[in-house]
Amino acid sequence: MKAFLATLLAAASFSTFAQGLTVDWTWKKDHNCSITSPELAIGNIPEGTKKLEVNMRDLDFRNFDHGGGIVDYTGSNGNMTLAAGALKQYKGPCPGGDFYGFGHDYVIYVSALGADDTKLASGNNKKTFSSTTAK
């Protein structure tokens, strides 16, 4: 019975977030310790989305919240590109001791929010930033 309920709950959760958001960006050298967020390409945004909530975390220094922000969804066909600098509460990657090209792993999380701030979908992507290897 427990296995059946677990399967049922997993299926219900999967149908709510059937297709996760895609999140992509390219690190550039000038992102090092910058307050200008990178350009973000976000896909698979569901119908009914009114806002996108974005947040970045450093996986190597988990207590540091790099912020992000909430922006209005103005894309079409389930896609939107957030321009560089669109996130006003953002603090860029600034890995201390970035010696010999070793950097930190950062995750950018995005949630699609409906009119009543209900989370419709979410997604994330992880990329390593090093000031010596960024483009």
C-alpha atoms as a PDB file:
ATOM      1  CA  MET A   1       0.000   0.000   0.000  1.00  0.00           C
ATOM      2  CA  LYS A   2       2.825   2.427   0.862  1.00  0.00           C
ATOM      3  CA  ALA A   3       4.527   1.763  -2.470  1.00  0.00           C
ATOM      4  CA  PHE A   4       1.268   2.440  -4.311  1.00  0.00           C
ATOM      5  CA  LEU A   5       0.773   5.755  -2.470  1.00  0.00           C
ATOM      6  CA  ALA A   6       4.375   6.783  -3.126  1.00  0.00           C
ATOM      7  CA  THR A   7       3.929   6.029  -6.839  1.00  0.00           C
ATOM      8  CA  LEU A   8       0.659   7.961  -6.923  1.00  0.00           C
ATOM      9  CA  LEU A   9       2.222  10.974  -5.197  1.00  0.00           C
ATOM     10  CA  ALA A  10       5.237  10.905  -7.525  1.00  0.00           C
ATOM     11  CA  ALA A  11       2.941  10.803 -10.560  1.00  0.00           C
ATOM     12  CA  ALA A  12       0.896  13.724  -9.219  1.00  0.00           C
ATOM     13  CA  SER A  13       4.046  15.766  -8.607  1.00  0.00           C
ATOM     14  CA  PHE A  14       5.363  14.904 -12.047  1.00  0.00           C
ATOM     15  CA  SER A  15       2.177  16.034 -13.766  1.00  0.00           C
ATOM     16  CA  THR A  16       2.286  19.370 -11.915  1.00  0.00           C
ATOM     17  CA  PHE A  17       5.843  20.004 -13.138  1.00  0.00           C
ATOM     18  CA  ALA A  18       5.684  17.795 -16.217  1.00  0.00           C
ATOM     19  CA  GLN A  19       8.227  19.810 -18.119  1.00  0.00           C
ATOM     20  CA  GLY A  20      10.915  21.698 -16.227  1.00  0.00           C
ATOM     21  CA  LEU A  21      12.184  25.084 -17.280  1.00  0.00           C
ATOM     22  CA  THR A  22      15.447  25.193 -19.193  1.00  0.00           C
ATOM     23  CA  VAL A  23      18.015  27.739 -18.037  1.00  0.00           C
ATOM     24  CA  ASP A  24      21.204  28.695 -19.880  1.00  0.00           C
ATOM     25  CA  TRP A  25      23.848  31.424 -19.918  1.00  0.00           C
ATOM     26  CA  THR A  26      27.512  31.997 -20.720  1.00  0.00           C
ATOM     27  CA  TRP A  27      29.962  33.210 -18.102  1.00  0.00           C
ATOM     28  CA  LYS A  28      32.177  36.093 -19.196  1.00  0.00           C
ATOM     29  CA  LYS A  29      35.272  37.453 -17.470  1.00  0.00           C
ATOM     30  CA  ASP A  30      33.498  40.727 -16.684  1.00  0.00           C
ATOM     31  CA  HIS A  31      30.936  38.816 -14.581  1.00  0.00           C
ATOM     32  CA  ASN A  32      33.649  38.370 -11.916  1.00  0.00           C
ATOM     33  CA  CYS A  33      32.434  40.169  -8.763  1.00  0.00           C
ATOM     34  CA  SER A  34      29.938  42.167 -10.851  1.00  0.00           C
ATOM     35  CA  ILE A  35      26.409  43.248  -9.944  1.00  0.00           C
ATOM     36  CA  THR A  36      25.350  42.905 -13.600  1.00  0.00           C
ATOM     37  CA  SER A  37      23.553  39.591 -14.110  1.00  0.00           C
ATOM     38  CA  PRO A  38      24.362  37.556 -17.223  1.00  0.00           C
ATOM     39  CA  GLU A  39      21.934  37.249 -20.108  1.00  0.00           C
ATOM     40  CA  LEU A  40      19.703  34.249 -19.357  1.00  0.00           C
ATOM     41  CA  ALA A  41      17.858  32.087 -21.891  1.00  0.00           C
ATOM     42  CA  ILE A  42      14.825  30.438 -20.286  1.00  0.00           C
ATOM     43  CA  GLY A  43      12.657  27.883 -22.075  1.00  0.00           C
ATOM     44  CA  ASN A  44       9.665  25.576 -21.516  1.00  0.00           C
ATOM     45  CA  ILE A  45       7.807  28.377 -19.736  1.00  0.00           C
ATOM     46  CA  PRO A  46       4.209  27.228 -19.239  1.00  0.00           C
ATOM     47  CA  GLU A  47       1.060  29.097 -20.256  1.00  0.00           C
ATOM     48  CA  GLY A  48      -0.289  31.284 -17.497  1.00  0.00           C
ATOM     49  CA  THR A  49       3.151  32.478 -16.392  1.00  0.00           C
ATOM     50  CA  LYS A  50       3.137  36.116 -15.311  1.00  0.00           C
ATOM     51  CA  LYS A  51       6.543  36.402 -13.596  1.00  0.00           C
ATOM     52  CA  LEU A  52       9.874  34.632 -13.374  1.00  0.00           C
ATOM     53  CA  GLU A  53      11.702  34.377 -10.072  1.00  0.00           C
ATOM     54  CA  VAL A  54      15.479  33.944 -10.380  1.00  0.00           C
ATOM     55  CA  ASN A  55      18.054  33.142  -7.712  1.00  0.00           C
ATOM     56  CA  MET A  56      21.714  32.129  -7.820  1.00  0.00           C
ATOM     57  CA  ARG A  57      23.615  30.062  -5.232  1.00  0.00           C
ATOM     58  CA  ASP A  58      27.295  29.180  -4.871  1.00  0.00           C
ATOM     59  CA  LEU A  59      27.545  25.414  -4.283  1.00  0.00           C
ATOM     60  CA  ASP A  60      31.045  25.782  -2.830  1.00  0.00           C
ATOM     61  CA  PHE A  61      30.018  28.437  -0.314  1.00  0.00           C
ATOM     62  CA  ARG A  62      26.403  27.454   0.373  1.00  0.00           C
ATOM     63  CA  ASN A  63      25.634  30.172   2.902  1.00  0.00           C
ATOM     64  CA  PHE A  64      26.136  32.946   0.348  1.00  0.00           C
ATOM     65  CA  ASP A  65      22.976  33.962  -1.480  1.00  0.00           C
ATOM     66  CA  HIS A  66      23.838  35.727  -4.735  1.00  0.00           C
ATOM     67  CA  GLY A  67      20.312  37.066  -5.036  1.00  0.00           C
ATOM     68  CA  GLY A  68      18.514  37.539  -8.316  1.00  0.00           C
ATOM     69  CA  GLY A  69      15.082  39.039  -8.624  1.00  0.00           C
ATOM     70  CA  ILE A  70      11.583  38.767 -10.002  1.00  0.00           C
ATOM     71  CA  VAL A  71      10.833  39.945 -13.529  1.00  0.00           C
ATOM     72  CA  ASP A  72       7.645  40.097 -15.569  1.00  0.00           C
ATOM     73  CA  TYR A  73       7.289  37.350 -18.167  1.00  0.00           C
ATOM     74  CA  THR A  74       7.325  39.087 -21.537  1.00  0.00           C
ATOM     75  CA  GLY A  75       8.422  36.187 -23.725  1.00  0.00           C
ATOM     76  CA  SER A  76       6.449  34.169 -26.229  1.00  0.00           C
ATOM     77  CA  ASN A  77       6.082  30.531 -27.218  1.00  0.00           C
ATOM     78  CA  GLY A  78       7.408  29.462 -23.818  1.00  0.00           C
ATOM     79  CA  ASN A  79      10.758  31.218 -24.232  1.00  0.00           C
ATOM     80  CA  MET A  80      12.298  34.371 -22.856  1.00  0.00           C
ATOM     81  CA  THR A  81      15.723  35.935 -22.829  1.00  0.00           C
ATOM     82  CA  LEU A  82      16.485  38.080 -19.805  1.00  0.00           C
ATOM     83  CA  ALA A  83      18.846  40.856 -20.818  1.00  0.00           C
ATOM     84  CA  ALA A  84      22.135  41.264 -19.007  1.00  0.00           C
ATOM     85  CA  GLY A  85      21.549  43.349 -15.902  1.00  0.00           C
ATOM     86  CA  ALA A  86      17.822  42.517 -15.651  1.00  0.00           C
ATOM     87  CA  LEU A  87      18.163  41.117 -12.113  1.00  0.00           C
ATOM     88  CA  LYS A  88      18.395  44.026  -9.690  1.00  0.00           C
ATOM     89  CA  GLN A  89      19.217  42.094  -6.474  1.00  0.00           C
ATOM     90  CA  TYR A  90      22.028  40.092  -8.102  1.00  0.00           C
ATOM     91  CA  LYS A  91      25.603  39.686  -6.844  1.00  0.00           C
ATOM     92  CA  GLY A  92      27.870  37.971  -9.361  1.00  0.00           C
ATOM     93  CA  PRO A  93      30.316  35.128  -8.916  1.00  0.00           C
ATOM     94  CA  CYS A  94      33.338  36.169  -6.913  1.00  0.00           C
ATOM     95  CA  PRO A  95      35.196  33.003  -5.955  1.00  0.00           C
ATOM     96  CA  GLY A  96      37.893  33.795  -3.449  1.00  0.00           C
ATOM     97  CA  GLY A  97      41.239  32.158  -4.058  1.00  0.00           C
ATOM     98  CA  ASP A  98      40.490  31.682  -7.769  1.00  0.00           C
ATOM     99  CA  PHE A  99      44.022  30.359  -8.321  1.00  0.00           C
ATOM    100  CA  TYR A 100      45.145  28.267 -11.292  1.00  0.00           C
ATOM    101  CA  GLY A 101      41.722  28.376 -12.910  1.00  0.00           C
ATOM    102  CA  PHE A 102      39.828  26.659 -10.085  1.00  0.00           C
ATOM    103  CA  GLY A 103      36.494  28.353  -9.581  1.00  0.00           C
ATOM    104  CA  HIS A 104      33.197  27.731  -7.871  1.00  0.00           C
ATOM    105  CA  ASP A 105      30.066  25.950  -9.054  1.00  0.00           C
ATOM    106  CA  TYR A 106      27.020  28.204  -9.275  1.00  0.00           C
ATOM    107  CA  VAL A 107      23.386  27.220  -9.793  1.00  0.00           C
ATOM    108  CA  ILE A 108      20.801  29.570 -11.228  1.00  0.00           C
ATOM    109  CA  TYR A 109      17.276  28.589 -10.190  1.00  0.00           C
ATOM    110  CA  VAL A 110      14.213  29.895 -12.053  1.00  0.00           C
ATOM    111  CA  SER A 111      10.543  29.519 -11.126  1.00  0.00           C
ATOM    112  CA  ALA A 112       7.587  30.415 -13.345  1.00  0.00           C
ATOM    113  CA  LEU A 113       4.877  32.109 -11.278  1.00  0.00           C
ATOM    114  CA  GLY A 114       1.188  32.500 -12.124  1.00  0.00           C
ATOM    115  CA  ALA A 115      -1.050  35.513 -11.466  1.00  0.00           C
ATOM    116  CA  ASP A 116      -1.488  34.563  -7.782  1.00  0.00           C
ATOM    117  CA  ASP A 117       2.254  33.775  -7.372  1.00  0.00           C
ATOM    118  CA  THR A 118       1.565  30.032  -7.623  1.00  0.00           C
ATOM    119  CA  LYS A 119       4.673  28.172  -8.815  1.00  0.00           C
ATOM    120  CA  LEU A 120       3.798  26.690 -12.221  1.00  0.00           C
ATOM    121  CA  ALA A 121       7.203  25.210 -13.066  1.00  0.00           C
ATOM    122  CA  SER A 122      10.840  25.459 -12.097  1.00  0.00           C
ATOM    123  CA  GLY A 123      14.259  24.607 -13.437  1.00  0.00           C
ATOM    124  CA  ASN A 124      17.927  25.234 -12.856  1.00  0.00           C
ATOM    125  CA  ASN A 125      21.363  24.843 -14.345  1.00  0.00           C
ATOM    126  CA  LYS A 126      24.831  24.568 -12.805  1.00  0.00           C
ATOM    127  CA  LYS A 127      27.993  26.073 -14.275  1.00  0.00           C
ATOM    128  CA  THR A 128      31.496  26.595 -12.958  1.00  0.00           C
ATOM    129  CA  PHE A 129      32.864  30.132 -12.919  1.00  0.00           C
ATOM    130  CA  SER A 130      36.557  30.898 -12.806  1.00  0.00           C
ATOM    131  CA  SER A 131      37.918  34.330 -13.660  1.00  0.00           C
ATOM    132  CA  THR A 132      40.785  32.644 -15.478  1.00  0.00           C
ATOM    133  CA  THR A 133      38.657  30.344 -17.677  1.00  0.00           C
ATOM    134  CA  ALA A 134      35.556  32.504 -18.373  1.00  0.00           C
ATOM    135  CA  LYS A 135      35.285  33.795 -21.944  1.00  0.00           C
END
